[in-house]
Amino acid sequence: MERFENTALSLEQAATAFAALGSEQRLGVLQTLVRAGPDGLPMGELGERSGVMGSTLTHHLKFLTAAGLVIQAKQGRSIICAAVAYDMAETLSSFLLRNCCADTDEGHDHD
């Protein structure tokens, strides 16, 4: 499955991803997918493991997919959800920290 490989996020992209993580159930679904590894899980199993079922799961996956945190792919007659949080989490962390200390004395060159 494809992975998120963008190393630079815009403010809008980062805000979308952080907003998607602002729900306890969405965060739980994402954690379930991260634990499952890069092969992901079929929808039914994801629902069982996360405790989020049916249309509620579909609703939350829509947000996570739009934010680039999850991709869905059809394999045979099943829909597989795979977490792409590995790269995206790293990218979000870098987004927050890329200008760390830029406005402090340590962030400026001294002559």
N, C-alpha and C. Protein backbone atom coordinates (compact mmCIF):
# COMPACT_ATOMS: atom_id res chain seq x y z
N MET A 1 0.83 -1.18 0.00
CA MET A 1 0.00 0.00 0.00
C MET A 1 0.88 1.24 0.00
N GLU A 2 0.35 2.31 -0.57
CA GLU A 2 1.14 3.53 -0.64
C GLU A 2 1.29 4.14 0.74
N ARG A 3 2.31 4.93 0.89
CA ARG A 3 2.58 5.59 2.16
C ARG A 3 2.63 7.09 1.95
N PHE A 4 2.36 7.84 2.99
CA PHE A 4 2.49 9.29 2.97
C PHE A 4 3.97 9.61 3.04
N GLU A 5 4.48 10.36 2.06
CA GLU A 5 5.92 10.63 2.05
C GLU A 5 6.24 12.11 1.95
N ASN A 6 5.28 12.97 2.17
CA ASN A 6 5.53 14.40 2.12
C ASN A 6 6.30 14.82 3.36
N THR A 7 7.42 15.47 3.18
CA THR A 7 8.23 15.84 4.34
C THR A 7 7.94 17.26 4.81
N ALA A 8 7.23 18.05 4.01
CA ALA A 8 6.90 19.41 4.40
C ALA A 8 5.39 19.60 4.33
N LEU A 9 4.82 19.97 5.45
CA LEU A 9 3.38 20.20 5.50
C LEU A 9 3.09 21.68 5.50
N SER A 10 2.00 22.05 4.86
CA SER A 10 1.52 23.42 4.99
C SER A 10 0.80 23.54 6.32
N LEU A 11 0.55 24.74 6.75
CA LEU A 11 -0.19 24.97 7.98
C LEU A 11 -1.58 24.35 7.87
N GLU A 12 -2.20 24.44 6.71
CA GLU A 12 -3.54 23.87 6.49
C GLU A 12 -3.51 22.34 6.61
N GLN A 13 -2.52 21.69 6.00
CA GLN A 13 -2.41 20.23 6.08
C GLN A 13 -2.20 19.77 7.52
N ALA A 14 -1.33 20.46 8.24
CA ALA A 14 -1.06 20.11 9.63
C ALA A 14 -2.32 20.30 10.47
N ALA A 15 -3.04 21.40 10.26
CA ALA A 15 -4.26 21.66 11.03
C ALA A 15 -5.30 20.57 10.76
N THR A 16 -5.41 20.12 9.52
CA THR A 16 -6.35 19.06 9.17
C THR A 16 -5.99 17.77 9.90
N ALA A 17 -4.71 17.43 9.90
CA ALA A 17 -4.27 16.20 10.56
C ALA A 17 -4.48 16.28 12.07
N PHE A 18 -4.12 17.41 12.66
CA PHE A 18 -4.31 17.54 14.11
C PHE A 18 -5.79 17.54 14.47
N ALA A 19 -6.62 18.15 13.64
CA ALA A 19 -8.07 18.15 13.90
C ALA A 19 -8.61 16.72 13.85
N ALA A 20 -8.12 15.92 12.90
CA ALA A 20 -8.57 14.53 12.80
C ALA A 20 -8.20 13.74 14.05
N LEU A 21 -7.12 14.10 14.69
CA LEU A 21 -6.68 13.41 15.90
C LEU A 21 -7.38 13.94 17.15
N GLY A 22 -8.23 14.95 16.99
CA GLY A 22 -8.90 15.58 18.12
C GLY A 22 -10.10 14.82 18.66
N SER A 23 -10.37 13.65 18.12
CA SER A 23 -11.47 12.81 18.60
C SER A 23 -10.90 11.59 19.30
N GLU A 24 -11.42 11.29 20.47
CA GLU A 24 -10.94 10.13 21.21
C GLU A 24 -11.15 8.84 20.41
N GLN A 25 -12.30 8.71 19.74
CA GLN A 25 -12.55 7.50 18.95
C GLN A 25 -11.64 7.42 17.74
N ARG A 26 -11.41 8.54 17.05
CA ARG A 26 -10.50 8.50 15.89
C ARG A 26 -9.09 8.17 16.33
N LEU A 27 -8.66 8.73 17.43
CA LEU A 27 -7.33 8.43 17.94
C LEU A 27 -7.22 6.95 18.30
N GLY A 28 -8.27 6.39 18.87
CA GLY A 28 -8.29 4.96 19.19
C GLY A 28 -8.23 4.08 17.95
N VAL A 29 -8.95 4.48 16.91
CA VAL A 29 -8.92 3.73 15.63
C VAL A 29 -7.51 3.78 15.06
N LEU A 30 -6.90 4.96 15.07
CA LEU A 30 -5.55 5.10 14.53
C LEU A 30 -4.56 4.27 15.34
N GLN A 31 -4.68 4.28 16.66
CA GLN A 31 -3.79 3.47 17.49
C GLN A 31 -3.96 1.99 17.18
N THR A 32 -5.18 1.55 16.95
CA THR A 32 -5.44 0.15 16.59
C THR A 32 -4.73 -0.20 15.30
N LEU A 33 -4.79 0.71 14.32
CA LEU A 33 -4.12 0.47 13.04
C LEU A 33 -2.61 0.48 13.17
N VAL A 34 -2.09 1.38 13.99
CA VAL A 34 -0.64 1.42 14.21
C VAL A 34 -0.18 0.10 14.83
N ARG A 35 -0.93 -0.40 15.81
CA ARG A 35 -0.58 -1.68 16.45
C ARG A 35 -0.64 -2.83 15.46
N ALA A 36 -1.55 -2.75 14.48
CA ALA A 36 -1.71 -3.83 13.50
C ALA A 36 -0.55 -3.89 12.51
N GLY A 37 0.18 -2.80 12.36
CA GLY A 37 1.32 -2.80 11.45
C GLY A 37 0.95 -2.36 10.04
N PRO A 38 1.93 -2.37 9.15
CA PRO A 38 1.75 -1.80 7.81
C PRO A 38 0.77 -2.54 6.92
N ASP A 39 0.42 -3.78 7.23
CA ASP A 39 -0.56 -4.50 6.41
C ASP A 39 -1.99 -4.08 6.69
N GLY A 40 -2.23 -3.38 7.78
CA GLY A 40 -3.56 -2.89 8.10
C GLY A 40 -4.50 -3.99 8.54
N LEU A 41 -5.79 -3.67 8.55
CA LEU A 41 -6.82 -4.59 9.00
C LEU A 41 -8.05 -4.48 8.12
N PRO A 42 -8.78 -5.58 7.95
CA PRO A 42 -10.10 -5.48 7.31
C PRO A 42 -11.01 -4.64 8.20
N MET A 43 -11.99 -3.97 7.60
CA MET A 43 -12.91 -3.10 8.34
C MET A 43 -13.54 -3.80 9.54
N GLY A 44 -14.05 -5.02 9.36
CA GLY A 44 -14.72 -5.73 10.45
C GLY A 44 -13.80 -5.95 11.64
N GLU A 45 -12.59 -6.38 11.34
CA GLU A 45 -11.62 -6.62 12.42
C GLU A 45 -11.20 -5.32 13.08
N LEU A 46 -11.06 -4.27 12.29
CA LEU A 46 -10.72 -2.96 12.85
C LEU A 46 -11.81 -2.52 13.82
N GLY A 47 -13.06 -2.71 13.43
CA GLY A 47 -14.18 -2.37 14.31
C GLY A 47 -14.17 -3.15 15.60
N GLU A 48 -13.92 -4.44 15.51
CA GLU A 48 -13.87 -5.29 16.71
C GLU A 48 -12.74 -4.87 17.64
N ARG A 49 -11.57 -4.67 17.07
CA ARG A 49 -10.40 -4.33 17.90
C ARG A 49 -10.51 -2.94 18.52
N SER A 50 -11.07 -2.00 17.76
CA SER A 50 -11.14 -0.61 18.25
C SER A 50 -12.39 -0.33 19.07
N GLY A 51 -13.41 -1.19 18.93
CA GLY A 51 -14.67 -0.95 19.62
C GLY A 51 -15.53 0.08 18.95
N VAL A 52 -15.18 0.46 17.72
CA VAL A 52 -15.95 1.42 16.94
C VAL A 52 -16.48 0.67 15.72
N MET A 53 -17.79 0.62 15.58
CA MET A 53 -18.38 -0.23 14.56
C MET A 53 -19.23 0.56 13.56
N GLY A 54 -19.51 -0.10 12.43
CA GLY A 54 -20.49 0.37 11.45
C GLY A 54 -20.27 1.76 10.92
N SER A 55 -21.36 2.51 10.85
CA SER A 55 -21.31 3.84 10.24
C SER A 55 -20.44 4.80 11.06
N THR A 56 -20.32 4.58 12.35
CA THR A 56 -19.45 5.43 13.17
C THR A 56 -17.99 5.23 12.75
N LEU A 57 -17.59 3.98 12.53
CA LEU A 57 -16.23 3.70 12.08
C LEU A 57 -16.00 4.32 10.70
N THR A 58 -16.95 4.16 9.80
CA THR A 58 -16.83 4.74 8.46
C THR A 58 -16.67 6.26 8.55
N HIS A 59 -17.44 6.89 9.41
CA HIS A 59 -17.38 8.34 9.61
C HIS A 59 -15.97 8.75 10.08
N HIS A 60 -15.44 8.06 11.06
CA HIS A 60 -14.13 8.41 11.59
C HIS A 60 -13.01 8.14 10.57
N LEU A 61 -13.14 7.06 9.83
CA LEU A 61 -12.14 6.75 8.80
C LEU A 61 -12.12 7.80 7.70
N LYS A 62 -13.27 8.39 7.43
CA LYS A 62 -13.35 9.46 6.43
C LYS A 62 -12.45 10.62 6.85
N PHE A 63 -12.52 11.02 8.11
CA PHE A 63 -11.68 12.11 8.63
C PHE A 63 -10.21 11.73 8.60
N LEU A 64 -9.89 10.53 9.05
CA LEU A 64 -8.50 10.09 9.11
C LEU A 64 -7.89 9.95 7.71
N THR A 65 -8.71 9.50 6.76
CA THR A 65 -8.24 9.37 5.38
C THR A 65 -8.00 10.75 4.77
N ALA A 66 -8.94 11.67 4.97
CA ALA A 66 -8.80 13.03 4.43
C ALA A 66 -7.57 13.73 4.99
N ALA A 67 -7.19 13.38 6.21
CA ALA A 67 -6.02 13.99 6.85
C ALA A 67 -4.71 13.33 6.45
N GLY A 68 -4.78 12.24 5.65
CA GLY A 68 -3.56 11.56 5.24
C GLY A 68 -3.01 10.59 6.26
N LEU A 69 -3.81 10.31 7.29
CA LEU A 69 -3.35 9.42 8.35
C LEU A 69 -3.68 7.96 8.09
N VAL A 70 -4.67 7.70 7.24
CA VAL A 70 -5.11 6.35 6.93
C VAL A 70 -5.41 6.27 5.44
N ILE A 71 -5.08 5.13 4.85
CA ILE A 71 -5.53 4.86 3.48
C ILE A 71 -6.38 3.60 3.51
N GLN A 72 -7.28 3.51 2.57
CA GLN A 72 -8.12 2.33 2.45
C GLN A 72 -7.91 1.75 1.06
N ALA A 73 -7.82 0.45 0.98
CA ALA A 73 -7.63 -0.21 -0.31
C ALA A 73 -8.49 -1.46 -0.34
N LYS A 74 -9.04 -1.75 -1.49
CA LYS A 74 -9.84 -2.96 -1.64
C LYS A 74 -8.93 -4.12 -2.00
N GLN A 75 -9.06 -5.22 -1.27
CA GLN A 75 -8.32 -6.45 -1.57
C GLN A 75 -9.35 -7.56 -1.67
N GLY A 76 -9.61 -8.01 -2.88
CA GLY A 76 -10.65 -9.00 -3.07
C GLY A 76 -11.99 -8.40 -2.72
N ARG A 77 -12.69 -9.03 -1.80
CA ARG A 77 -13.99 -8.51 -1.38
C ARG A 77 -13.92 -7.74 -0.08
N SER A 78 -12.72 -7.55 0.45
CA SER A 78 -12.56 -6.84 1.72
C SER A 78 -11.96 -5.46 1.49
N ILE A 79 -12.32 -4.55 2.37
CA ILE A 79 -11.66 -3.25 2.39
C ILE A 79 -10.65 -3.29 3.52
N ILE A 80 -9.39 -3.05 3.17
CA ILE A 80 -8.30 -3.07 4.13
C ILE A 80 -7.97 -1.63 4.51
N CYS A 81 -7.80 -1.36 5.77
CA CYS A 81 -7.39 -0.05 6.24
C CYS A 81 -5.95 -0.17 6.71
N ALA A 82 -5.10 0.68 6.24
CA ALA A 82 -3.71 0.63 6.67
C ALA A 82 -3.33 1.97 7.26
N ALA A 83 -2.71 1.96 8.40
CA ALA A 83 -2.27 3.20 9.03
C ALA A 83 -1.07 3.75 8.28
N VAL A 84 -1.11 5.00 7.97
CA VAL A 84 0.05 5.66 7.40
C VAL A 84 0.59 6.65 8.43
N ALA A 85 0.24 6.41 9.67
CA ALA A 85 0.61 7.33 10.74
C ALA A 85 2.11 7.37 10.98
N TYR A 86 2.82 6.32 10.60
CA TYR A 86 4.26 6.29 10.86
C TYR A 86 4.94 7.51 10.24
N ASP A 87 4.79 7.69 8.94
CA ASP A 87 5.39 8.82 8.25
C ASP A 87 4.71 10.13 8.63
N MET A 88 3.39 10.11 8.70
CA MET A 88 2.66 11.34 8.99
C MET A 88 2.93 11.82 10.41
N ALA A 89 3.00 10.92 11.37
CA ALA A 89 3.29 11.32 12.75
C ALA A 89 4.67 11.97 12.83
N GLU A 90 5.61 11.41 12.11
CA GLU A 90 6.95 11.98 12.07
C GLU A 90 6.91 13.37 11.41
N THR A 91 6.14 13.47 10.34
CA THR A 91 6.02 14.75 9.64
C THR A 91 5.33 15.78 10.51
N LEU A 92 4.28 15.38 11.24
CA LEU A 92 3.60 16.31 12.15
C LEU A 92 4.53 16.77 13.26
N SER A 93 5.31 15.86 13.80
CA SER A 93 6.27 16.20 14.84
C SER A 93 7.30 17.19 14.30
N SER A 94 7.81 16.92 13.12
CA SER A 94 8.78 17.82 12.50
C SER A 94 8.16 19.19 12.25
N PHE A 95 6.89 19.19 11.84
CA PHE A 95 6.19 20.45 11.60
C PHE A 95 6.19 21.30 12.87
N LEU A 96 5.89 20.67 14.00
CA LEU A 96 5.83 21.40 15.26
C LEU A 96 7.21 21.89 15.71
N LEU A 97 8.23 21.08 15.45
CA LEU A 97 9.55 21.36 16.01
C LEU A 97 10.54 21.99 15.03
N ARG A 98 10.16 22.16 13.78
CA ARG A 98 11.15 22.61 12.79
C ARG A 98 11.71 24.00 13.06
N ASN A 99 10.97 24.84 13.74
CA ASN A 99 11.48 26.17 14.07
C ASN A 99 11.81 26.31 15.55
N CYS A 100 12.07 25.17 16.18
CA CYS A 100 12.35 25.17 17.61
C CYS A 100 13.48 26.14 17.95
N CYS A 101 13.22 26.98 18.90
CA CYS A 101 14.21 27.89 19.47
C CYS A 101 14.69 28.97 18.51
N ALA A 102 13.99 29.16 17.39
CA ALA A 102 14.42 30.15 16.39
C ALA A 102 14.39 31.58 16.95
N ASP A 103 13.53 31.83 17.92
CA ASP A 103 13.40 33.18 18.46
C ASP A 103 14.10 33.35 19.81
N THR A 104 14.97 32.42 20.15
CA THR A 104 15.72 32.54 21.39
C THR A 104 17.17 32.86 21.06
N ASP A 105 17.94 33.16 22.07
CA ASP A 105 19.36 33.46 21.86
C ASP A 105 20.08 32.27 21.24
N GLU A 106 19.67 31.03 21.61
CA GLU A 106 20.32 29.84 21.04
C GLU A 106 20.03 29.67 19.56
N GLY A 107 18.93 30.26 19.10
CA GLY A 107 18.54 30.10 17.70
C GLY A 107 19.19 31.12 16.79
N HIS A 108 19.93 32.10 17.35
CA HIS A 108 20.56 33.14 16.55
C HIS A 108 22.07 32.98 16.58
N ASP A 109 22.70 33.28 15.45
CA ASP A 109 24.18 33.25 15.41
C ASP A 109 24.72 34.46 16.14
N HIS A 110 25.77 34.26 16.86
CA HIS A 110 26.43 35.36 17.57
C HIS A 110 27.77 35.64 16.90
N ASP A 111 28.11 36.93 16.79
CA ASP A 111 29.39 37.31 16.18
C ASP A 111 30.48 37.31 17.19
